[in-house]
Each structure stands twice: as C-alpha cells, then as structure tokens.
Amino acid sequence: MTKDVIEILLRKLPTSDLVWGGDWNHSLIGKEHAGSMGGRNHLLEAIQKLGLNVPTTGLSHRGNYCHAIDHIGVPL
C-alpha cells in the first residue's frame, strides 16, 4: 500500500522547494513498529528522489519505544 501511494505522490509532488510533513507511519531508522520495512524503503527512496532532508528521523516516538513516525522533509 505504501509503495502505491508513494508512486502517486512522486508523480504529483513538485520536484523542488518541497516541504513534506505529516504522519508517515514509518520510523526511518531502527526497529519498525508502525509500518513495514518495505514501506520504509519506498519512503527513503522518495526522500532521496525529492532531495529532502528529514530532521525528525532520529527523534523518539511519543511512546519512547521506537523512533518517530511523524516527519517533516525539507529541501537539502
């Protein structure tokens, strides 16, 4: 499901000056609790293609048992 949504977003989102934030439902590092490793990989590929930096990657989830699943991606 994540792959399908990412593919649609990549066709629609601007390729420069993009700020992309919200509940991505995936930790981008460490163990995965909310999403899937496949979904994470699709997100990481999209982040790279869009030239984004995600400063929220290393933050803790509010439950403090995994990393954040809510993120903001900003231009490099």
PDB file of N, CA and C in Angstrom:
ATOM      1  N   MET A   1       0.818  -1.185   0.000  1.00  0.00           N
ATOM      2  CA  MET A   1       0.000   0.000   0.000  1.00  0.00           C
ATOM      3  C   MET A   1       0.878   1.273   0.000  1.00  0.00           C
ATOM      4  N   THR A   2       1.913   1.263   0.823  1.00  0.00           N
ATOM      5  CA  THR A   2       2.802   2.433   0.880  1.00  0.00           C
ATOM      6  C   THR A   2       3.440   2.687  -0.474  1.00  0.00           C
ATOM      7  N   LYS A   3       3.882   1.621  -1.123  1.00  0.00           N
ATOM      8  CA  LYS A   3       4.517   1.753  -2.438  1.00  0.00           C
ATOM      9  C   LYS A   3       3.582   2.445  -3.421  1.00  0.00           C
ATOM     10  N   ASP A   4       2.315   2.029  -3.456  1.00  0.00           N
ATOM     11  CA  ASP A   4       1.351   2.613  -4.388  1.00  0.00           C
ATOM     12  C   ASP A   4       1.148   4.104  -4.126  1.00  0.00           C
ATOM     13  N   VAL A   5       1.028   4.473  -2.861  1.00  0.00           N
ATOM     14  CA  VAL A   5       0.826   5.882  -2.511  1.00  0.00           C
ATOM     15  C   VAL A   5       2.056   6.706  -2.851  1.00  0.00           C
ATOM     16  N   ILE A   6       3.242   6.179  -2.546  1.00  0.00           N
ATOM     17  CA  ILE A   6       4.490   6.890  -2.859  1.00  0.00           C
ATOM     18  C   ILE A   6       4.603   7.118  -4.363  1.00  0.00           C
ATOM     19  N   GLU A   7       4.278   6.115  -5.163  1.00  0.00           N
ATOM     20  CA  GLU A   7       4.346   6.269  -6.619  1.00  0.00           C
ATOM     21  C   GLU A   7       3.406   7.373  -7.101  1.00  0.00           C
ATOM     22  N   ILE A   8       2.209   7.442  -6.549  1.00  0.00           N
ATOM     23  CA  ILE A   8       1.262   8.500  -6.917  1.00  0.00           C
ATOM     24  C   ILE A   8       1.807   9.861  -6.495  1.00  0.00           C
ATOM     25  N   LEU A   9       2.317   9.946  -5.270  1.00  0.00           N
ATOM     26  CA  LEU A   9       2.863  11.221  -4.789  1.00  0.00           C
ATOM     27  C   LEU A   9       4.031  11.690  -5.644  1.00  0.00           C
ATOM     28  N   LEU A  10       4.910  10.781  -6.026  1.00  0.00           N
ATOM     29  CA  LEU A  10       6.066  11.171  -6.838  1.00  0.00           C
ATOM     30  C   LEU A  10       5.651  11.727  -8.199  1.00  0.00           C
ATOM     31  N   ARG A  11       4.518  11.281  -8.698  1.00  0.00           N
ATOM     32  CA  ARG A  11       4.023  11.832  -9.968  1.00  0.00           C
ATOM     33  C   ARG A  11       3.395  13.215  -9.781  1.00  0.00           C
ATOM     34  N   LYS A  12       2.920  13.517  -8.577  1.00  0.00           N
ATOM     35  CA  LYS A  12       2.151  14.742  -8.348  1.00  0.00           C
ATOM     36  C   LYS A  12       2.923  15.839  -7.608  1.00  0.00           C
ATOM     37  N   LEU A  13       3.855  15.464  -6.743  1.00  0.00           N
ATOM     38  CA  LEU A  13       4.550  16.448  -5.926  1.00  0.00           C
ATOM     39  C   LEU A  13       5.547  17.252  -6.745  1.00  0.00           C
ATOM     40  N   PRO A  14       5.767  18.511  -6.382  1.00  0.00           N
ATOM     41  CA  PRO A  14       6.812  19.298  -7.055  1.00  0.00           C
ATOM     42  C   PRO A  14       8.184  18.673  -6.787  1.00  0.00           C
ATOM     43  N   THR A  15       9.092  18.849  -7.708  1.00  0.00           N
ATOM     44  CA  THR A  15      10.419  18.247  -7.577  1.00  0.00           C
ATOM     45  C   THR A  15      11.448  19.194  -6.977  1.00  0.00           C
ATOM     46  N   SER A  16      11.037  20.391  -6.607  1.00  0.00           N
ATOM     47  CA  SER A  16      11.947  21.319  -5.937  1.00  0.00           C
ATOM     48  C   SER A  16      11.154  22.171  -4.955  1.00  0.00           C
ATOM     49  N   ASP A  17      11.863  22.720  -3.979  1.00  0.00           N
ATOM     50  CA  ASP A  17      11.268  23.588  -2.960  1.00  0.00           C
ATOM     51  C   ASP A  17      10.078  22.951  -2.251  1.00  0.00           C
ATOM     52  N   LEU A  18      10.140  21.643  -2.039  1.00  0.00           N
ATOM     53  CA  LEU A  18       9.058  20.911  -1.401  1.00  0.00           C
ATOM     54  C   LEU A  18       9.312  20.790   0.099  1.00  0.00           C
ATOM     55  N   VAL A  19       8.281  21.042   0.887  1.00  0.00           N
ATOM     56  CA  VAL A  19       8.266  20.720   2.309  1.00  0.00           C
ATOM     57  C   VAL A  19       7.143  19.710   2.479  1.00  0.00           C
ATOM     58  N   TRP A  20       7.477  18.522   2.990  1.00  0.00           N
ATOM     59  CA  TRP A  20       6.518  17.427   3.080  1.00  0.00           C
ATOM     60  C   TRP A  20       6.486  16.951   4.524  1.00  0.00           C
ATOM     61  N   GLY A  21       5.373  17.148   5.187  1.00  0.00           N
ATOM     62  CA  GLY A  21       5.278  16.761   6.579  1.00  0.00           C
ATOM     63  C   GLY A  21       3.983  16.048   6.896  1.00  0.00           C
ATOM     64  N   GLY A  22       3.999  15.319   7.986  1.00  0.00           N
ATOM     65  CA  GLY A  22       2.799  14.655   8.454  1.00  0.00           C
ATOM     66  C   GLY A  22       3.104  13.327   9.107  1.00  0.00           C
ATOM     67  N   ASP A  23       2.067  12.543   9.273  1.00  0.00           N
ATOM     68  CA  ASP A  23       2.191  11.219   9.875  1.00  0.00           C
ATOM     69  C   ASP A  23       2.519  10.223   8.772  1.00  0.00           C
ATOM     70  N   TRP A  24       3.773   9.848   8.683  1.00  0.00           N
ATOM     71  CA  TRP A  24       4.222   8.944   7.628  1.00  0.00           C
ATOM     72  C   TRP A  24       4.063   7.483   8.037  1.00  0.00           C
ATOM     73  N   ASN A  25       3.766   7.251   9.317  1.00  0.00           N
ATOM     74  CA  ASN A  25       3.537   5.900   9.851  1.00  0.00           C
ATOM     75  C   ASN A  25       4.714   4.955   9.677  1.00  0.00           C
ATOM     76  N   HIS A  26       5.904   5.484   9.550  1.00  0.00           N
ATOM     77  CA  HIS A  26       7.114   4.663   9.456  1.00  0.00           C
ATOM     78  C   HIS A  26       8.248   5.347  10.208  1.00  0.00           C
ATOM     79  N   SER A  27       8.964   4.578  11.016  1.00  0.00           N
ATOM     80  CA  SER A  27      10.248   5.044  11.521  1.00  0.00           C
ATOM     81  C   SER A  27      11.215   4.957  10.350  1.00  0.00           C
ATOM     82  N   LEU A  28      12.147   5.869  10.282  1.00  0.00           N
ATOM     83  CA  LEU A  28      13.091   5.852   9.164  1.00  0.00           C
ATOM     84  C   LEU A  28      14.422   5.207   9.532  1.00  0.00           C
ATOM     85  N   ILE A  29      14.589   4.903  10.830  1.00  0.00           N
ATOM     86  CA  ILE A  29      15.774   4.178  11.312  1.00  0.00           C
ATOM     87  C   ILE A  29      15.322   3.236  12.432  1.00  0.00           C
ATOM     88  N   GLY A  30      16.163   2.281  12.756  1.00  0.00           N
ATOM     89  CA  GLY A  30      15.878   1.386  13.875  1.00  0.00           C
ATOM     90  C   GLY A  30      14.766   0.396  13.575  1.00  0.00           C
ATOM     91  N   LYS A  31      14.201  -0.156  14.649  1.00  0.00           N
ATOM     92  CA  LYS A  31      13.121  -1.131  14.505  1.00  0.00           C
ATOM     93  C   LYS A  31      11.874  -0.465  13.941  1.00  0.00           C
ATOM     94  N   GLU A  32      11.095  -1.242  13.239  1.00  0.00           N
ATOM     95  CA  GLU A  32       9.854  -0.738  12.640  1.00  0.00           C
ATOM     96  C   GLU A  32       8.670  -1.320  13.412  1.00  0.00           C
ATOM     97  N   HIS A  33       7.813  -0.452  13.938  1.00  0.00           N
ATOM     98  CA  HIS A  33       6.655  -0.893  14.708  1.00  0.00           C
ATOM     99  C   HIS A  33       5.333  -0.516  14.047  1.00  0.00           C
ATOM    100  N   ALA A  34       5.279   0.602  13.380  1.00  0.00           N
ATOM    101  CA  ALA A  34       4.010   1.097  12.825  1.00  0.00           C
ATOM    102  C   ALA A  34       3.811   0.693  11.367  1.00  0.00           C
ATOM    103  N   GLY A  35       4.884   0.737  10.594  1.00  0.00           N
ATOM    104  CA  GLY A  35       4.783   0.439   9.167  1.00  0.00           C
ATOM    105  C   GLY A  35       5.458  -0.879   8.840  1.00  0.00           C
ATOM    106  N   SER A  36       6.164  -0.895   7.733  1.00  0.00           N
ATOM    107  CA  SER A  36       6.884  -2.098   7.302  1.00  0.00           C
ATOM    108  C   SER A  36       8.254  -1.684   6.773  1.00  0.00           C
ATOM    109  N   MET A  37       9.161  -2.637   6.736  1.00  0.00           N
ATOM    110  CA  MET A  37      10.490  -2.336   6.204  1.00  0.00           C
ATOM    111  C   MET A  37      10.403  -2.013   4.716  1.00  0.00           C
ATOM    112  N   GLY A  38       9.515  -2.691   3.997  1.00  0.00           N
ATOM    113  CA  GLY A  38       9.318  -2.378   2.582  1.00  0.00           C
ATOM    114  C   GLY A  38       8.809  -0.964   2.396  1.00  0.00           C
ATOM    115  N   GLY A  39       7.829  -0.581   3.211  1.00  0.00           N
ATOM    116  CA  GLY A  39       7.307   0.782   3.150  1.00  0.00           C
ATOM    117  C   GLY A  39       8.377   1.810   3.475  1.00  0.00           C
ATOM    118  N   ARG A  40       9.190   1.507   4.480  1.00  0.00           N
ATOM    119  CA  ARG A  40      10.297   2.414   4.832  1.00  0.00           C
ATOM    120  C   ARG A  40      11.230   2.592   3.644  1.00  0.00           C
ATOM    121  N   ASN A  41      11.574   1.491   2.985  1.00  0.00           N
ATOM    122  CA  ASN A  41      12.483   1.585   1.841  1.00  0.00           C
ATOM    123  C   ASN A  41      11.901   2.458   0.733  1.00  0.00           C
ATOM    124  N   HIS A  42      10.606   2.351   0.485  1.00  0.00           N
ATOM    125  CA  HIS A  42       9.965   3.200  -0.525  1.00  0.00           C
ATOM    126  C   HIS A  42       9.996   4.668  -0.104  1.00  0.00           C
ATOM    127  N   LEU A  43       9.764   4.929   1.176  1.00  0.00           N
ATOM    128  CA  LEU A  43       9.853   6.303   1.673  1.00  0.00           C
ATOM    129  C   LEU A  43      11.270   6.854   1.522  1.00  0.00           C
ATOM    130  N   LEU A  44      12.268   6.064   1.902  1.00  0.00           N
ATOM    131  CA  LEU A  44      13.656   6.524   1.800  1.00  0.00           C
ATOM    132  C   LEU A  44      14.049   6.806   0.351  1.00  0.00           C
ATOM    133  N   GLU A  45      13.589   5.989  -0.573  1.00  0.00           N
ATOM    134  CA  GLU A  45      13.854   6.244  -1.996  1.00  0.00           C
ATOM    135  C   GLU A  45      13.193   7.539  -2.444  1.00  0.00           C
ATOM    136  N   ALA A  46      11.968   7.775  -2.016  1.00  0.00           N
ATOM    137  CA  ALA A  46      11.251   9.003  -2.383  1.00  0.00           C
ATOM    138  C   ALA A  46      11.942  10.224  -1.791  1.00  0.00           C
ATOM    139  N   ILE A  47      12.391  10.122  -0.554  1.00  0.00           N
ATOM    140  CA  ILE A  47      13.107  11.227   0.098  1.00  0.00           C
ATOM    141  C   ILE A  47      14.344  11.588  -0.714  1.00  0.00           C
ATOM    142  N   GLN A  48      15.066  10.567  -1.160  1.00  0.00           N
ATOM    143  CA  GLN A  48      16.264  10.806  -1.963  1.00  0.00           C
ATOM    144  C   GLN A  48      15.897  11.441  -3.304  1.00  0.00           C
ATOM    145  N   LYS A  49      14.903  10.900  -3.992  1.00  0.00           N
ATOM    146  CA  LYS A  49      14.491  11.435  -5.293  1.00  0.00           C
ATOM    147  C   LYS A  49      14.043  12.886  -5.197  1.00  0.00           C
ATOM    148  N   LEU A  50      13.389  13.225  -4.088  1.00  0.00           N
ATOM    149  CA  LEU A  50      12.875  14.587  -3.914  1.00  0.00           C
ATOM    150  C   LEU A  50      13.920  15.538  -3.335  1.00  0.00           C
ATOM    151  N   GLY A  51      15.105  15.024  -3.008  1.00  0.00           N
ATOM    152  CA  GLY A  51      16.168  15.857  -2.470  1.00  0.00           C
ATOM    153  C   GLY A  51      15.823  16.450  -1.119  1.00  0.00           C
ATOM    154  N   LEU A  52      15.251  15.621  -0.248  1.00  0.00           N
ATOM    155  CA  LEU A  52      14.812  16.111   1.053  1.00  0.00           C
ATOM    156  C   LEU A  52      15.739  15.661   2.174  1.00  0.00           C
ATOM    157  N   ASN A  53      15.784  16.457   3.214  1.00  0.00           N
ATOM    158  CA  ASN A  53      16.419  16.131   4.474  1.00  0.00           C
ATOM    159  C   ASN A  53      15.278  15.954   5.474  1.00  0.00           C
ATOM    160  N   VAL A  54      15.335  14.923   6.302  1.00  0.00           N
ATOM    161  CA  VAL A  54      14.278  14.665   7.282  1.00  0.00           C
ATOM    162  C   VAL A  54      14.886  14.781   8.682  1.00  0.00           C
ATOM    163  N   PRO A  55      14.853  15.988   9.275  1.00  0.00           N
ATOM    164  CA  PRO A  55      15.488  16.189  10.579  1.00  0.00           C
ATOM    165  C   PRO A  55      14.798  15.451  11.728  1.00  0.00           C
ATOM    166  N   THR A  56      13.611  14.931  11.499  1.00  0.00           N
ATOM    167  CA  THR A  56      12.875  14.209  12.541  1.00  0.00           C
ATOM    168  C   THR A  56      13.247  12.731  12.614  1.00  0.00           C
ATOM    169  N   THR A  57      14.127  12.273  11.737  1.00  0.00           N
ATOM    170  CA  THR A  57      14.478  10.854  11.643  1.00  0.00           C
ATOM    171  C   THR A  57      14.912  10.267  12.984  1.00  0.00           C
ATOM    172  N   GLY A  58      15.769  10.922  13.711  1.00  0.00           N
ATOM    173  CA  GLY A  58      16.329  10.379  14.946  1.00  0.00           C
ATOM    174  C   GLY A  58      15.539  10.651  16.203  1.00  0.00           C
ATOM    175  N   LEU A  59      14.406  11.335  16.083  1.00  0.00           N
ATOM    176  CA  LEU A  59      13.603  11.635  17.266  1.00  0.00           C
ATOM    177  C   LEU A  59      12.873  10.395  17.762  1.00  0.00           C
ATOM    178  N   SER A  60      12.562  10.374  19.045  1.00  0.00           N
ATOM    179  CA  SER A  60      11.816   9.257  19.630  1.00  0.00           C
ATOM    180  C   SER A  60      10.326   9.417  19.384  1.00  0.00           C
ATOM    181  N   HIS A  61       9.658   8.301  19.278  1.00  0.00           N
ATOM    182  CA  HIS A  61       8.195   8.269  19.235  1.00  0.00           C
ATOM    183  C   HIS A  61       7.691   8.713  20.610  1.00  0.00           C
ATOM    184  N   ARG A  62       6.504   9.258  20.683  1.00  0.00           N
ATOM    185  CA  ARG A  62       5.987   9.731  21.966  1.00  0.00           C
ATOM    186  C   ARG A  62       5.883   8.612  22.995  1.00  0.00           C
ATOM    187  N   GLY A  63       5.746   7.371  22.527  1.00  0.00           N
ATOM    188  CA  GLY A  63       5.719   6.233  23.431  1.00  0.00           C
ATOM    189  C   GLY A  63       7.101   5.777  23.860  1.00  0.00           C
ATOM    190  N   ASN A  64       8.121   6.361  23.276  1.00  0.00           N
ATOM    191  CA  ASN A  64       9.528   6.110  23.594  1.00  0.00           C
ATOM    192  C   ASN A  64       9.945   4.646  23.421  1.00  0.00           C
ATOM    193  N   TYR A  65       9.278   3.907  22.537  1.00  0.00           N
ATOM    194  CA  TYR A  65       9.653   2.520  22.277  1.00  0.00           C
ATOM    195  C   TYR A  65      10.164   2.333  20.850  1.00  0.00           C
ATOM    196  N   CYS A  66      10.141   3.396  20.069  1.00  0.00           N
ATOM    197  CA  CYS A  66      10.680   3.361  18.708  1.00  0.00           C
ATOM    198  C   CYS A  66      10.986   4.799  18.303  1.00  0.00           C
ATOM    199  N   HIS A  67      11.444   4.959  17.084  1.00  0.00           N
ATOM    200  CA  HIS A  67      11.708   6.304  16.575  1.00  0.00           C
ATOM    201  C   HIS A  67      10.423   6.919  16.025  1.00  0.00           C
ATOM    202  N   ALA A  68      10.475   8.215  15.819  1.00  0.00           N
ATOM    203  CA  ALA A  68       9.310   8.974  15.357  1.00  0.00           C
ATOM    204  C   ALA A  68       8.729   8.394  14.068  1.00  0.00           C
ATOM    205  N   ILE A  69       7.406   8.482  13.948  1.00  0.00           N
ATOM    206  CA  ILE A  69       6.717   8.098  12.713  1.00  0.00           C
ATOM    207  C   ILE A  69       6.085   9.321  12.062  1.00  0.00           C
ATOM    208  N   ASP A  70       6.112  10.448  12.747  1.00  0.00           N
ATOM    209  CA  ASP A  70       5.645  11.723  12.203  1.00  0.00           C
ATOM    210  C   ASP A  70       6.882  12.493  11.773  1.00  0.00           C
ATOM    211  N   HIS A  71       6.893  12.963  10.537  1.00  0.00           N
ATOM    212  CA  HIS A  71       8.118  13.561   9.994  1.00  0.00           C
ATOM    213  C   HIS A  71       7.844  14.828   9.203  1.00  0.00           C
ATOM    214  N   ILE A  72       8.924  15.545   9.002  1.00  0.00           N
ATOM    215  CA  ILE A  72       8.902  16.663   8.062  1.00  0.00           C
ATOM    216  C   ILE A  72      10.156  16.540   7.197  1.00  0.00           C
ATOM    217  N   GLY A  73       9.933  16.624   5.897  1.00  0.00           N
ATOM    218  CA  GLY A  73      11.037  16.606   4.942  1.00  0.00           C
ATOM    219  C   GLY A  73      11.189  18.006   4.364  1.00  0.00           C
ATOM    220  N   VAL A  74      12.403  18.515   4.372  1.00  0.00           N
ATOM    221  CA  VAL A  74      12.687  19.857   3.871  1.00  0.00           C
ATOM    222  C   VAL A  74      13.791  19.773   2.823  1.00  0.00           C
ATOM    223  N   PRO A  75      13.833  20.748   1.916  1.00  0.00           N
ATOM    224  CA  PRO A  75      14.870  20.717   0.873  1.00  0.00           C
ATOM    225  C   PRO A  75      16.274  20.688   1.478  1.00  0.00           C
ATOM    226  N   LEU A  76      17.167  19.937   0.830  1.00  0.00           N
ATOM    227  CA  LEU A  76      18.551  19.900   1.280  1.00  0.00           C
ATOM    228  C   LEU A  76      19.144  21.282   1.209  1.00  0.00           C
TER     229      LEU A  76
END
